[in-house]
Amino acid sequence: MTNFDNLKFIDGDFLTTENLTDMIYENEGSFTQKGQSMSFDVDGKDITVNYEVYVEGTIEEESGDYWNPASCDVELTDIDVTINEVFIDGELVSLDTQDFLKVEILLKNNL
C-alpha cells in the first residue's frame, strides 16, 4: 500500500502555468493538452502519472492609443485534470477514490 499523502514531485513532461496562459491566448480561450506526465517519489517508490489537462481562461486586450501602450491580460479560470494512468515502479495500478483525488490535487498544484 502506497501512502499518497507523502508524494514528492520529481520531474515531468507537462505545461507549466506560464505555458498554459500562452496556450489560452493562442487557442482563443480554451484547449485540451494530452500526453502530460509527472513523476513523484514516495518511500523510494517511483510514481508516474499520465494525464490530460483542459484549461479555460479569459483574455482581455486593450489596443492602446497614442498615450497608452497596448496590453493583454490572460487569466486562468478553470483547470481540469483527467488522470489516464498511474504507474508505481513501472506497474500500472488502479487507485481508490481517495488516493485518486489526492493525486489529482497534487497534479493541479504542480502546474
Protein backbone atom coordinates (compact mmCIF):
# COMPACT_ATOMS: atom_id res chain seq x y z
CA MET A 1 0.00 0.00 0.00
CA THR A 2 1.38 3.39 -1.01
CA ASN A 3 0.79 6.49 1.12
CA PHE A 4 -0.17 9.20 -1.37
CA ASP A 5 -0.02 11.86 1.37
CA ASN A 6 3.79 12.00 1.14
CA LEU A 7 4.33 12.28 -2.61
CA LYS A 8 7.35 14.39 -3.56
CA PHE A 9 7.47 15.91 -7.03
CA ILE A 10 10.49 14.78 -9.09
CA ASP A 11 10.03 15.73 -12.74
CA GLY A 12 7.63 15.62 -15.63
CA ASP A 13 6.72 16.47 -19.17
CA PHE A 14 3.88 18.95 -18.80
CA LEU A 15 2.76 22.50 -19.47
CA THR A 16 3.52 24.96 -16.67
CA THR A 17 1.19 27.77 -15.64
CA GLU A 18 3.13 30.19 -17.85
CA ASN A 19 2.70 27.85 -20.83
CA LEU A 20 -0.99 27.45 -20.03
CA THR A 21 -1.64 31.18 -20.26
CA ASP A 22 0.22 31.37 -23.58
CA MET A 23 -1.83 28.45 -24.91
CA ILE A 24 -5.09 30.07 -23.78
CA TYR A 25 -4.20 33.14 -25.82
CA GLU A 26 -3.15 31.08 -28.85
CA ASN A 27 -6.31 28.94 -28.69
CA GLU A 28 -8.73 31.80 -28.05
CA GLY A 29 -9.79 30.91 -24.51
CA SER A 30 -9.63 27.13 -24.02
CA PHE A 31 -7.77 23.99 -25.02
CA THR A 32 -7.06 20.37 -24.09
CA GLN A 33 -3.50 19.07 -23.94
CA LYS A 34 -2.98 15.30 -23.94
CA GLY A 35 0.19 13.38 -23.19
CA GLN A 36 1.14 15.13 -19.96
CA SER A 37 3.04 13.30 -17.22
CA MET A 38 4.52 13.93 -13.78
CA SER A 39 6.78 11.74 -11.68
CA PHE A 40 6.80 11.58 -7.90
CA ASP A 41 8.66 9.70 -5.21
CA VAL A 42 7.17 8.22 -2.07
CA ASP A 43 9.12 5.98 0.27
CA GLY A 44 11.59 5.11 -2.51
CA LYS A 45 8.87 4.16 -4.99
CA ASP A 46 8.63 5.87 -8.37
CA ILE A 47 5.09 7.08 -9.14
CA THR A 48 4.35 8.21 -12.71
CA VAL A 49 1.01 9.80 -13.56
CA ASN A 50 -0.08 10.23 -17.18
CA TYR A 51 -2.90 12.70 -17.69
CA GLU A 52 -4.50 15.30 -19.90
CA VAL A 53 -5.43 18.83 -18.92
CA TYR A 54 -8.33 21.01 -20.05
CA VAL A 55 -7.87 24.73 -19.46
CA GLU A 56 -10.19 27.70 -19.83
CA GLY A 57 -9.37 31.34 -19.40
CA THR A 58 -10.27 34.89 -20.21
CA ILE A 59 -8.40 37.23 -22.50
CA GLU A 60 -8.62 40.99 -22.11
CA GLU A 61 -6.87 43.01 -24.78
CA GLU A 62 -6.56 46.77 -24.95
CA SER A 63 -5.41 48.17 -28.27
CA GLY A 64 -3.92 51.25 -26.65
CA ASP A 65 -3.69 54.73 -28.07
CA TYR A 66 -1.17 57.49 -28.51
CA TRP A 67 -0.59 57.84 -24.75
CA ASN A 68 -1.18 54.29 -23.55
CA PRO A 69 0.56 51.17 -24.88
CA ALA A 70 -1.40 48.11 -25.95
CA SER A 71 -1.89 45.46 -23.25
CA CYS A 72 -3.11 41.91 -22.90
CA ASP A 73 -4.17 40.13 -19.74
CA VAL A 74 -4.83 36.37 -19.70
CA GLU A 75 -6.40 34.79 -16.63
CA LEU A 76 -6.86 31.08 -15.93
CA THR A 77 -10.47 30.44 -14.91
CA ASP A 78 -10.65 26.63 -14.93
CA ILE A 79 -8.16 23.78 -14.94
CA ASP A 80 -9.46 20.23 -15.17
CA VAL A 81 -7.10 17.27 -14.94
CA THR A 82 -8.08 13.83 -16.24
CA ILE A 83 -5.81 11.06 -14.98
CA ASN A 84 -5.32 8.36 -17.60
CA GLU A 85 -2.75 6.05 -15.97
CA VAL A 86 -0.83 5.69 -12.74
CA PHE A 87 2.32 3.57 -12.54
CA ILE A 88 4.11 2.54 -9.36
CA ASP A 89 7.65 1.34 -10.09
CA GLY A 90 6.60 0.75 -13.71
CA GLU A 91 3.49 -1.29 -12.90
CA LEU A 92 0.06 0.03 -13.91
CA VAL A 93 -2.20 0.38 -10.86
CA SER A 94 -5.76 1.44 -10.05
CA LEU A 95 -6.34 3.99 -7.32
CA ASP A 96 -9.22 4.13 -4.88
CA THR A 97 -11.29 7.31 -4.92
CA GLN A 98 -9.48 8.93 -2.00
CA ASP A 99 -5.97 8.39 -3.47
CA PHE A 100 -7.24 9.41 -6.92
CA LEU A 101 -8.40 12.77 -5.54
CA LYS A 102 -5.10 13.31 -3.70
CA VAL A 103 -3.12 12.72 -6.90
CA GLU A 104 -5.46 14.96 -8.91
CA ILE A 105 -4.99 17.84 -6.44
CA LEU A 106 -1.22 17.30 -6.43
CA LEU A 107 -1.12 17.49 -10.24
CA LYS A 108 -3.01 20.80 -10.23
CA ASN A 109 -0.74 22.22 -7.53
CA ASN A 110 2.39 21.39 -9.53
CA LEU A 111 1.26 23.02 -12.78
